[in-house]
Structures are given as C-alpha cells and as structure tokens.
mmCIF file of all heavy atoms, coordinates in Angstrom:
data_MODEL
# 
_entry.id   MODEL 
# 
loop_
_atom_site.group_PDB 
_atom_site.id 
_atom_site.type_symbol 
_atom_site.label_atom_id 
_atom_site.label_alt_id 
_atom_site.label_comp_id 
_atom_site.label_asym_id 
_atom_site.label_entity_id 
_atom_site.label_seq_id 
_atom_site.pdbx_PDB_ins_code 
_atom_site.Cartn_x 
_atom_site.Cartn_y 
_atom_site.Cartn_z 
_atom_site.occupancy 
_atom_site.B_iso_or_equiv 
_atom_site.pdbx_formal_charge 
_atom_site.auth_seq_id 
_atom_site.auth_comp_id 
_atom_site.auth_asym_id 
_atom_site.auth_atom_id 
_atom_site.pdbx_PDB_model_num 
ATOM 1   N N   . ALA A 1 1  ? 219.157 85.620  125.013 1.00 0.00 ? 1  ALA A N   1 
ATOM 2   C CA  . ALA A 1 1  ? 218.414 86.313  123.964 1.00 0.00 ? 1  ALA A CA  1 
ATOM 3   C C   . ALA A 1 1  ? 219.234 87.430  123.334 1.00 0.00 ? 1  ALA A C   1 
ATOM 4   O O   . ALA A 1 1  ? 220.206 87.921  123.899 1.00 0.00 ? 1  ALA A O   1 
ATOM 5   C CB  . ALA A 1 1  ? 217.116 86.882  124.535 1.00 0.00 ? 1  ALA A CB  1 
ATOM 6   N N   . ASP A 1 2  ? 218.799 87.828  122.139 1.00 0.00 ? 2  ASP A N   1 
ATOM 7   C CA  . ASP A 1 2  ? 219.407 88.951  121.421 1.00 0.00 ? 2  ASP A CA  1 
ATOM 8   C C   . ASP A 1 2  ? 218.701 90.258  121.729 1.00 0.00 ? 2  ASP A C   1 
ATOM 9   O O   . ASP A 1 2  ? 219.250 91.335  121.493 1.00 0.00 ? 2  ASP A O   1 
ATOM 10  C CB  . ASP A 1 2  ? 219.355 88.690  119.913 1.00 0.00 ? 2  ASP A CB  1 
ATOM 11  C CG  . ASP A 1 2  ? 220.078 87.408  119.541 1.00 0.00 ? 2  ASP A CG  1 
ATOM 12  O OD1 . ASP A 1 2  ? 221.303 87.363  119.696 1.00 0.00 ? 2  ASP A OD1 1 
ATOM 13  O OD2 . ASP A 1 2  ? 219.406 86.446  119.129 1.00 0.00 ? 2  ASP A OD2 1 
ATOM 14  N N   . ALA A 1 3  ? 217.472 90.173  122.235 1.00 0.00 ? 3  ALA A N   1 
ATOM 15  C CA  . ALA A 1 3  ? 216.706 91.350  122.638 1.00 0.00 ? 3  ALA A CA  1 
ATOM 16  C C   . ALA A 1 3  ? 215.869 90.968  123.845 1.00 0.00 ? 3  ALA A C   1 
ATOM 17  O O   . ALA A 1 3  ? 215.441 89.817  123.978 1.00 0.00 ? 3  ALA A O   1 
ATOM 18  C CB  . ALA A 1 3  ? 215.809 91.840  121.504 1.00 0.00 ? 3  ALA A CB  1 
ATOM 19  N N   . VAL A 1 4  ? 215.659 91.933  124.732 1.00 0.00 ? 4  VAL A N   1 
ATOM 20  C CA  . VAL A 1 4  ? 214.918 91.672  125.974 1.00 0.00 ? 4  VAL A CA  1 
ATOM 21  C C   . VAL A 1 4  ? 213.834 92.722  126.139 1.00 0.00 ? 4  VAL A C   1 
ATOM 22  O O   . VAL A 1 4  ? 214.113 93.924  126.082 1.00 0.00 ? 4  VAL A O   1 
ATOM 23  C CB  . VAL A 1 4  ? 215.856 91.701  127.208 1.00 0.00 ? 4  VAL A CB  1 
ATOM 24  C CG1 . VAL A 1 4  ? 215.072 91.356  128.471 1.00 0.00 ? 4  VAL A CG1 1 
ATOM 25  C CG2 . VAL A 1 4  ? 217.019 90.737  127.028 1.00 0.00 ? 4  VAL A CG2 1 
ATOM 26  N N   . ILE A 1 5  ? 212.593 92.252  126.328 1.00 0.00 ? 5  ILE A N   1 
ATOM 27  C CA  . ILE A 1 5  ? 211.467 93.150  126.585 1.00 0.00 ? 5  ILE A CA  1 
ATOM 28  C C   . ILE A 1 5  ? 211.386 93.363  128.093 1.00 0.00 ? 5  ILE A C   1 
ATOM 29  O O   . ILE A 1 5  ? 211.169 92.410  128.850 1.00 0.00 ? 5  ILE A O   1 
ATOM 30  C CB  . ILE A 1 5  ? 210.162 92.559  126.039 1.00 0.00 ? 5  ILE A CB  1 
ATOM 31  C CG1 . ILE A 1 5  ? 210.270 92.383  124.519 1.00 0.00 ? 5  ILE A CG1 1 
ATOM 32  C CG2 . ILE A 1 5  ? 208.975 93.451  126.376 1.00 0.00 ? 5  ILE A CG2 1 
ATOM 33  C CD1 . ILE A 1 5  ? 209.099 91.651  123.905 1.00 0.00 ? 5  ILE A CD1 1 
ATOM 34  N N   . MET A 1 6  ? 211.565 94.604  128.532 1.00 0.00 ? 6  MET A N   1 
ATOM 35  C CA  . MET A 1 6  ? 211.719 94.889  129.957 1.00 0.00 ? 6  MET A CA  1 
ATOM 36  C C   . MET A 1 6  ? 210.400 95.180  130.659 1.00 0.00 ? 6  MET A C   1 
ATOM 37  O O   . MET A 1 6  ? 210.394 95.438  131.859 1.00 0.00 ? 6  MET A O   1 
ATOM 38  C CB  . MET A 1 6  ? 212.673 96.075  130.141 1.00 0.00 ? 6  MET A CB  1 
ATOM 39  C CG  . MET A 1 6  ? 214.048 95.851  129.537 1.00 0.00 ? 6  MET A CG  1 
ATOM 40  S SD  . MET A 1 6  ? 214.859 94.334  130.125 1.00 0.00 ? 6  MET A SD  1 
ATOM 41  C CE  . MET A 1 6  ? 215.019 94.710  131.870 1.00 0.00 ? 6  MET A CE  1 
ATOM 42  N N   . VAL A 1 7  ? 209.289 95.184  129.960 1.00 0.00 ? 7  VAL A N   1 
ATOM 43  C CA  . VAL A 1 7  ? 207.983 95.386  130.575 1.00 0.00 ? 7  VAL A CA  1 
ATOM 44  C C   . VAL A 1 7  ? 207.147 94.134  130.353 1.00 0.00 ? 7  VAL A C   1 
ATOM 45  O O   . VAL A 1 7  ? 207.401 93.344  129.443 1.00 0.00 ? 7  VAL A O   1 
ATOM 46  C CB  . VAL A 1 7  ? 207.258 96.615  129.987 1.00 0.00 ? 7  VAL A CB  1 
ATOM 47  C CG1 . VAL A 1 7  ? 207.977 97.891  130.374 1.00 0.00 ? 7  VAL A CG1 1 
ATOM 48  C CG2 . VAL A 1 7  ? 207.129 96.513  128.476 1.00 0.00 ? 7  VAL A CG2 1 
ATOM 49  N N   . ASP A 1 8  ? 206.142 93.966  131.203 1.00 0.00 ? 8  ASP A N   1 
ATOM 50  C CA  . ASP A 1 8  ? 205.334 92.752  131.143 1.00 0.00 ? 8  ASP A CA  1 
ATOM 51  C C   . ASP A 1 8  ? 204.249 92.898  130.079 1.00 0.00 ? 8  ASP A C   1 
ATOM 52  O O   . ASP A 1 8  ? 203.054 92.951  130.376 1.00 0.00 ? 8  ASP A O   1 
ATOM 53  C CB  . ASP A 1 8  ? 204.715 92.479  132.513 1.00 0.00 ? 8  ASP A CB  1 
ATOM 54  C CG  . ASP A 1 8  ? 204.073 91.098  132.579 1.00 0.00 ? 8  ASP A CG  1 
ATOM 55  O OD1 . ASP A 1 8  ? 204.491 90.220  131.800 1.00 0.00 ? 8  ASP A OD1 1 
ATOM 56  O OD2 . ASP A 1 8  ? 203.153 90.900  133.394 1.00 0.00 ? 8  ASP A OD2 1 
ATOM 57  N N   . SER A 1 9  ? 204.684 92.980  128.829 1.00 0.00 ? 9  SER A N   1 
ATOM 58  C CA  . SER A 1 9  ? 203.756 93.116  127.710 1.00 0.00 ? 9  SER A CA  1 
ATOM 59  C C   . SER A 1 9  ? 204.395 92.546  126.461 1.00 0.00 ? 9  SER A C   1 
ATOM 60  O O   . SER A 1 9  ? 205.575 92.771  126.197 1.00 0.00 ? 9  SER A O   1 
ATOM 61  C CB  . SER A 1 9  ? 203.387 94.587  127.486 1.00 0.00 ? 9  SER A CB  1 
ATOM 62  O OG  . SER A 1 9  ? 202.647 94.733  126.291 1.00 0.00 ? 9  SER A OG  1 
ATOM 63  N N   . LEU A 1 10 ? 203.591 91.833  125.679 1.00 0.00 ? 10 LEU A N   1 
ATOM 64  C CA  . LEU A 1 10 ? 204.071 91.244  124.433 1.00 0.00 ? 10 LEU A CA  1 
ATOM 65  C C   . LEU A 1 10 ? 204.101 92.262  123.298 1.00 0.00 ? 10 LEU A C   1 
ATOM 66  O O   . LEU A 1 10 ? 204.685 92.001  122.248 1.00 0.00 ? 10 LEU A O   1 
ATOM 67  C CB  . LEU A 1 10 ? 203.170 90.064  124.061 1.00 0.00 ? 10 LEU A CB  1 
ATOM 68  C CG  . LEU A 1 10 ? 203.698 89.042  123.049 1.00 0.00 ? 10 LEU A CG  1 
ATOM 69  C CD1 . LEU A 1 10 ? 204.941 88.360  123.569 1.00 0.00 ? 10 LEU A CD1 1 
ATOM 70  C CD2 . LEU A 1 10 ? 202.613 88.014  122.743 1.00 0.00 ? 10 LEU A CD2 1 
ATOM 71  N N   . ALA A 1 11 ? 203.512 93.436  123.514 1.00 0.00 ? 11 ALA A N   1 
ATOM 72  C CA  . ALA A 1 11 ? 203.439 94.447  122.452 1.00 0.00 ? 11 ALA A CA  1 
ATOM 73  C C   . ALA A 1 11 ? 204.823 94.867  121.974 1.00 0.00 ? 11 ALA A C   1 
ATOM 74  O O   . ALA A 1 11 ? 204.987 95.281  120.823 1.00 0.00 ? 11 ALA A O   1 
ATOM 75  C CB  . ALA A 1 11 ? 202.659 95.668  122.948 1.00 0.00 ? 11 ALA A CB  1 
ATOM 76  N N   . GLY A 1 12 ? 205.832 94.748  122.842 1.00 0.00 ? 12 GLY A N   1 
ATOM 77  C CA  . GLY A 1 12 ? 207.188 95.124  122.459 1.00 0.00 ? 12 GLY A CA  1 
ATOM 78  C C   . GLY A 1 12 ? 207.733 94.315  121.301 1.00 0.00 ? 12 GLY A C   1 
ATOM 79  O O   . GLY A 1 12 ? 208.620 94.793  120.578 1.00 0.00 ? 12 GLY A O   1 
ATOM 80  N N   . VAL A 1 13 ? 207.230 93.101  121.093 1.00 0.00 ? 13 VAL A N   1 
ATOM 81  C CA  . VAL A 1 13 ? 207.709 92.268  119.988 1.00 0.00 ? 13 VAL A CA  1 
ATOM 82  C C   . VAL A 1 13 ? 207.360 92.912  118.653 1.00 0.00 ? 13 VAL A C   1 
ATOM 83  O O   . VAL A 1 13 ? 208.208 93.049  117.759 1.00 0.00 ? 13 VAL A O   1 
ATOM 84  C CB  . VAL A 1 13 ? 207.119 90.848  120.078 1.00 0.00 ? 13 VAL A CB  1 
ATOM 85  C CG1 . VAL A 1 13 ? 207.497 90.023  118.845 1.00 0.00 ? 13 VAL A CG1 1 
ATOM 86  C CG2 . VAL A 1 13 ? 207.588 90.150  121.345 1.00 0.00 ? 13 VAL A CG2 1 
ATOM 87  N N   . ALA A 1 14 ? 206.098 93.303  118.494 1.00 0.00 ? 14 ALA A N   1 
ATOM 88  C CA  . ALA A 1 14 ? 205.675 93.935  117.242 1.00 0.00 ? 14 ALA A CA  1 
ATOM 89  C C   . ALA A 1 14 ? 206.382 95.271  117.048 1.00 0.00 ? 14 ALA A C   1 
ATOM 90  O O   . ALA A 1 14 ? 206.790 95.615  115.932 1.00 0.00 ? 14 ALA A O   1 
ATOM 91  C CB  . ALA A 1 14 ? 204.162 94.124  117.243 1.00 0.00 ? 14 ALA A CB  1 
ATOM 92  N N   . ARG A 1 15 ? 206.534 96.035  118.133 1.00 0.00 ? 15 ARG A N   1 
ATOM 93  C CA  . ARG A 1 15 ? 207.224 97.323  118.023 1.00 0.00 ? 15 ARG A CA  1 
ATOM 94  C C   . ARG A 1 15 ? 208.673 97.116  117.593 1.00 0.00 ? 15 ARG A C   1 
ATOM 95  O O   . ARG A 1 15 ? 209.209 97.877  116.778 1.00 0.00 ? 15 ARG A O   1 
ATOM 96  C CB  . ARG A 1 15 ? 207.175 98.052  119.365 1.00 0.00 ? 15 ARG A CB  1 
ATOM 97  C CG  . ARG A 1 15 ? 205.790 98.525  119.754 1.00 0.00 ? 15 ARG A CG  1 
ATOM 98  C CD  . ARG A 1 15 ? 205.791 99.077  121.158 1.00 0.00 ? 15 ARG A CD  1 
ATOM 99  N NE  . ARG A 1 15 ? 204.443 99.398  121.604 1.00 0.00 ? 15 ARG A NE  1 
ATOM 100 C CZ  . ARG A 1 15 ? 204.093 99.491  122.875 1.00 0.00 ? 15 ARG A CZ  1 
ATOM 101 N NH1 . ARG A 1 15 ? 204.989 99.274  123.826 1.00 0.00 ? 15 ARG A NH1 1 
ATOM 102 N NH2 . ARG A 1 15 ? 202.850 99.791  123.214 1.00 0.00 ? 15 ARG A NH2 1 
ATOM 103 N N   . LEU A 1 16 ? 209.320 96.094  118.146 1.00 0.00 ? 16 LEU A N   1 
ATOM 104 C CA  . LEU A 1 16 ? 210.717 95.827  117.812 1.00 0.00 ? 16 LEU A CA  1 
ATOM 105 C C   . LEU A 1 16 ? 210.883 95.504  116.339 1.00 0.00 ? 16 LEU A C   1 
ATOM 106 O O   . LEU A 1 16 ? 211.803 96.014  115.675 1.00 0.00 ? 16 LEU A O   1 
ATOM 107 C CB  . LEU A 1 16 ? 211.232 94.663  118.671 1.00 0.00 ? 16 LEU A CB  1 
ATOM 108 C CG  . LEU A 1 16 ? 212.643 94.155  118.371 1.00 0.00 ? 16 LEU A CG  1 
ATOM 109 C CD1 . LEU A 1 16 ? 213.660 95.274  118.559 1.00 0.00 ? 16 LEU A CD1 1 
ATOM 110 C CD2 . LEU A 1 16 ? 212.977 92.970  119.254 1.00 0.00 ? 16 LEU A CD2 1 
ATOM 111 N N   . VAL A 1 17 ? 210.010 94.672  115.787 1.00 0.00 ? 17 VAL A N   1 
ATOM 112 C CA  . VAL A 1 17 ? 210.106 94.310  114.373 1.00 0.00 ? 17 VAL A CA  1 
ATOM 113 C C   . VAL A 1 17 ? 209.854 95.533  113.485 1.00 0.00 ? 17 VAL A C   1 
ATOM 114 O O   . VAL A 1 17 ? 210.548 95.744  112.485 1.00 0.00 ? 17 VAL A O   1 
ATOM 115 C CB  . VAL A 1 17 ? 209.110 93.180  114.035 1.00 0.00 ? 17 VAL A CB  1 
ATOM 116 C CG1 . VAL A 1 17 ? 209.112 92.885  112.546 1.00 0.00 ? 17 VAL A CG1 1 
ATOM 117 C CG2 . VAL A 1 17 ? 209.475 91.909  114.811 1.00 0.00 ? 17 VAL A CG2 1 
ATOM 118 N N   . THR A 1 18 ? 208.896 96.364  113.867 1.00 0.00 ? 18 THR A N   1 
ATOM 119 C CA  . THR A 1 18 ? 208.627 97.590  113.110 1.00 0.00 ? 18 THR A CA  1 
ATOM 120 C C   . THR A 1 18 ? 209.837 98.524  113.130 1.00 0.00 ? 18 THR A C   1 
ATOM 121 O O   . THR A 1 18 ? 210.231 99.086  112.099 1.00 0.00 ? 18 THR A O   1 
ATOM 122 C CB  . THR A 1 18 ? 207.395 98.313  113.693 1.00 0.00 ? 18 THR A CB  1 
ATOM 123 O OG1 . THR A 1 18 ? 206.258 97.455  113.602 1.00 0.00 ? 18 THR A OG1 1 
ATOM 124 C CG2 . THR A 1 18 ? 207.116 99.602  112.943 1.00 0.00 ? 18 THR A CG2 1 
ATOM 125 N N   . ILE A 1 19 ? 210.427 98.695  114.303 1.00 0.00 ? 19 ILE A N   1 
ATOM 126 C CA  . ILE A 1 19 ? 211.616 99.549  114.437 1.00 0.00 ? 19 ILE A CA  1 
ATOM 127 C C   . ILE A 1 19 ? 212.759 98.991  113.596 1.00 0.00 ? 19 ILE A C   1 
ATOM 128 O O   . ILE A 1 19 ? 213.489 99.747  112.931 1.00 0.00 ? 19 ILE A O   1 
ATOM 129 C CB  . ILE A 1 19 ? 212.022 99.660  115.917 1.00 0.00 ? 19 ILE A CB  1 
ATOM 130 C CG1 . ILE A 1 19 ? 211.007 100.514 116.677 1.00 0.00 ? 19 ILE A CG1 1 
ATOM 131 C CG2 . ILE A 1 19 ? 213.428 100.250 116.058 1.00 0.00 ? 19 ILE A CG2 1 
ATOM 132 C CD1 . ILE A 1 19 ? 211.182 100.490 118.177 1.00 0.00 ? 19 ILE A CD1 1 
ATOM 133 N N   . ALA A 1 20 ? 212.933 97.679  113.614 1.00 0.00 ? 20 ALA A N   1 
ATOM 134 C CA  . ALA A 1 20 ? 214.021 97.055  112.846 1.00 0.00 ? 20 ALA A CA  1 
ATOM 135 C C   . ALA A 1 20 ? 213.870 97.339  111.358 1.00 0.00 ? 20 ALA A C   1 
ATOM 136 O O   . ALA A 1 20 ? 214.846 97.687  110.675 1.00 0.00 ? 20 ALA A O   1 
ATOM 137 C CB  . ALA A 1 20 ? 214.035 95.550  113.096 1.00 0.00 ? 20 ALA A CB  1 
ATOM 138 N N   . ARG A 1 21 ? 212.662 97.218  110.842 1.00 0.00 ? 21 ARG A N   1 
ATOM 139 C CA  . ARG A 1 21 ? 212.448 97.438  109.413 1.00 0.00 ? 21 ARG A CA  1 
ATOM 140 C C   . ARG A 1 21 ? 212.709 98.888  109.028 1.00 0.00 ? 21 ARG A C   1 
ATOM 141 O O   . ARG A 1 21 ? 213.337 99.168  108.004 1.00 0.00 ? 21 ARG A O   1 
ATOM 142 C CB  . ARG A 1 21 ? 211.029 97.019  109.041 1.00 0.00 ? 21 ARG A CB  1 
ATOM 143 C CG  . ARG A 1 21 ? 210.869 95.494  109.034 1.00 0.00 ? 21 ARG A CG  1 
ATOM 144 C CD  . ARG A 1 21 ? 209.470 95.070  108.708 1.00 0.00 ? 21 ARG A CD  1 
ATOM 145 N NE  . ARG A 1 21 ? 209.418 93.604  108.605 1.00 0.00 ? 21 ARG A NE  1 
ATOM 146 C CZ  . ARG A 1 21 ? 208.409 92.866  109.027 1.00 0.00 ? 21 ARG A CZ  1 
ATOM 147 N NH1 . ARG A 1 21 ? 207.361 93.428  109.571 1.00 0.00 ? 21 ARG A NH1 1 
ATOM 148 N NH2 . ARG A 1 21 ? 208.437 91.550  108.895 1.00 0.00 ? 21 ARG A NH2 1 
ATOM 149 N N   . GLN A 1 22 ? 212.255 99.814  109.864 1.00 0.00 ? 22 GLN A N   1 
ATOM 150 C CA  . GLN A 1 22 ? 212.496 101.217 109.537 1.00 0.00 ? 22 GLN A CA  1 
ATOM 151 C C   . GLN A 1 22 ? 213.984 101.550 109.661 1.00 0.00 ? 22 GLN A C   1 
ATOM 152 O O   . GLN A 1 22 ? 214.536 102.301 108.858 1.00 0.00 ? 22 GLN A O   1 
ATOM 153 C CB  . GLN A 1 22 ? 211.700 102.129 110.451 1.00 0.00 ? 22 GLN A CB  1 
ATOM 154 C CG  . GLN A 1 22 ? 211.778 103.587 109.987 1.00 0.00 ? 22 GLN A CG  1 
ATOM 155 C CD  . GLN A 1 22 ? 211.630 104.589 111.117 1.00 0.00 ? 22 GLN A CD  1 
ATOM 156 O OE1 . GLN A 1 22 ? 211.407 104.223 112.256 1.00 0.00 ? 22 GLN A OE1 1 
ATOM 157 N NE2 . GLN A 1 22 ? 211.766 105.864 110.796 1.00 0.00 ? 22 GLN A NE2 1 
ATOM 158 N N   . THR A 1 23 ? 214.650 100.980 110.675 1.00 0.00 ? 23 THR A N   1 
ATOM 159 C CA  . THR A 1 23 ? 216.071 101.263 110.882 1.00 0.00 ? 23 THR A CA  1 
ATOM 160 C C   . THR A 1 23 ? 216.899 100.808 109.687 1.00 0.00 ? 23 THR A C   1 
ATOM 161 O O   . THR A 1 23 ? 217.772 101.545 109.199 1.00 0.00 ? 23 THR A O   1 
ATOM 162 C CB  . THR A 1 23 ? 216.573 100.563 112.155 1.00 0.00 ? 23 THR A CB  1 
ATOM 163 O OG1 . THR A 1 23 ? 215.855 101.070 113.287 1.00 0.00 ? 23 THR A OG1 1 
ATOM 164 C CG2 . THR A 1 23 ? 218.061 100.798 112.357 1.00 0.00 ? 23 THR A CG2 1 
ATOM 165 N N   . VAL A 1 24 ? 216.647 99.610  109.215 1.00 0.00 ? 24 VAL A N   1 
ATOM 166 C CA  . VAL A 1 24 ? 217.395 99.103  108.060 1.00 0.00 ? 24 VAL A CA  1 
ATOM 167 C C   . VAL A 1 24 ? 217.095 99.932  106.820 1.00 0.00 ? 24 VAL A C   1 
ATOM 168 O O   . VAL A 1 24 ? 217.995 100.210 106.014 1.00 0.00 ? 24 VAL A O   1 
ATOM 169 C CB  . VAL A 1 24 ? 217.067 97.610  107.828 1.00 0.00 ? 24 VAL A CB  1 
ATOM 170 C CG1 . VAL A 1 24 ? 217.648 97.131  106.503 1.00 0.00 ? 24 VAL A CG1 1 
ATOM 171 C CG2 . VAL A 1 24 ? 217.620 96.766  108.970 1.00 0.00 ? 24 VAL A CG2 1 
ATOM 172 N N   . ARG A 1 25 ? 215.857 100.349 106.673 1.00 0.00 ? 25 ARG A N   1 
ATOM 173 C CA  . ARG A 1 25 ? 215.498 101.199 105.520 1.00 0.00 ? 25 ARG A CA  1 
ATOM 174 C C   . ARG A 1 25 ? 216.279 102.511 105.564 1.00 0.00 ? 25 ARG A C   1 
ATOM 175 O O   . ARG A 1 25 ? 216.838 102.956 104.544 1.00 0.00 ? 25 ARG A O   1 
ATOM 176 C CB  . ARG A 1 25 ? 213.994 101.452 105.521 1.00 0.00 ? 25 ARG A CB  1 
ATOM 177 C CG  . ARG A 1 25 ? 213.510 102.256 104.318 1.00 0.00 ? 25 ARG A CG  1 
ATOM 178 C CD  . ARG A 1 25 ? 211.991 102.191 104.184 1.00 0.00 ? 25 ARG A CD  1 
ATOM 179 N NE  . ARG A 1 25 ? 211.309 102.715 105.356 1.00 0.00 ? 25 ARG A NE  1 
ATOM 180 C CZ  . ARG A 1 25 ? 210.641 101.956 106.230 1.00 0.00 ? 25 ARG A CZ  1 
ATOM 181 N NH1 . ARG A 1 25 ? 210.578 100.649 106.070 1.00 0.00 ? 25 ARG A NH1 1 
ATOM 182 N NH2 . ARG A 1 25 ? 210.037 102.499 107.259 1.00 0.00 ? 25 ARG A NH2 1 
# 
C-alpha cells in the first residue's frame, strides 16, 4: 500500500482524503 491506517477504524480513509486535498491546496 501507499498509505497504512494504523488503528482499527475506517474513519482514517476519509480523514486522509481530506488532508490530501488541503495539503495540495
């Protein structure tokens, strides 16, 4: 994988995409 969620929760996926969009902006 290119990214790994280290906690047992799927919420990290949405957070990662949000962070990516703000970072690129």
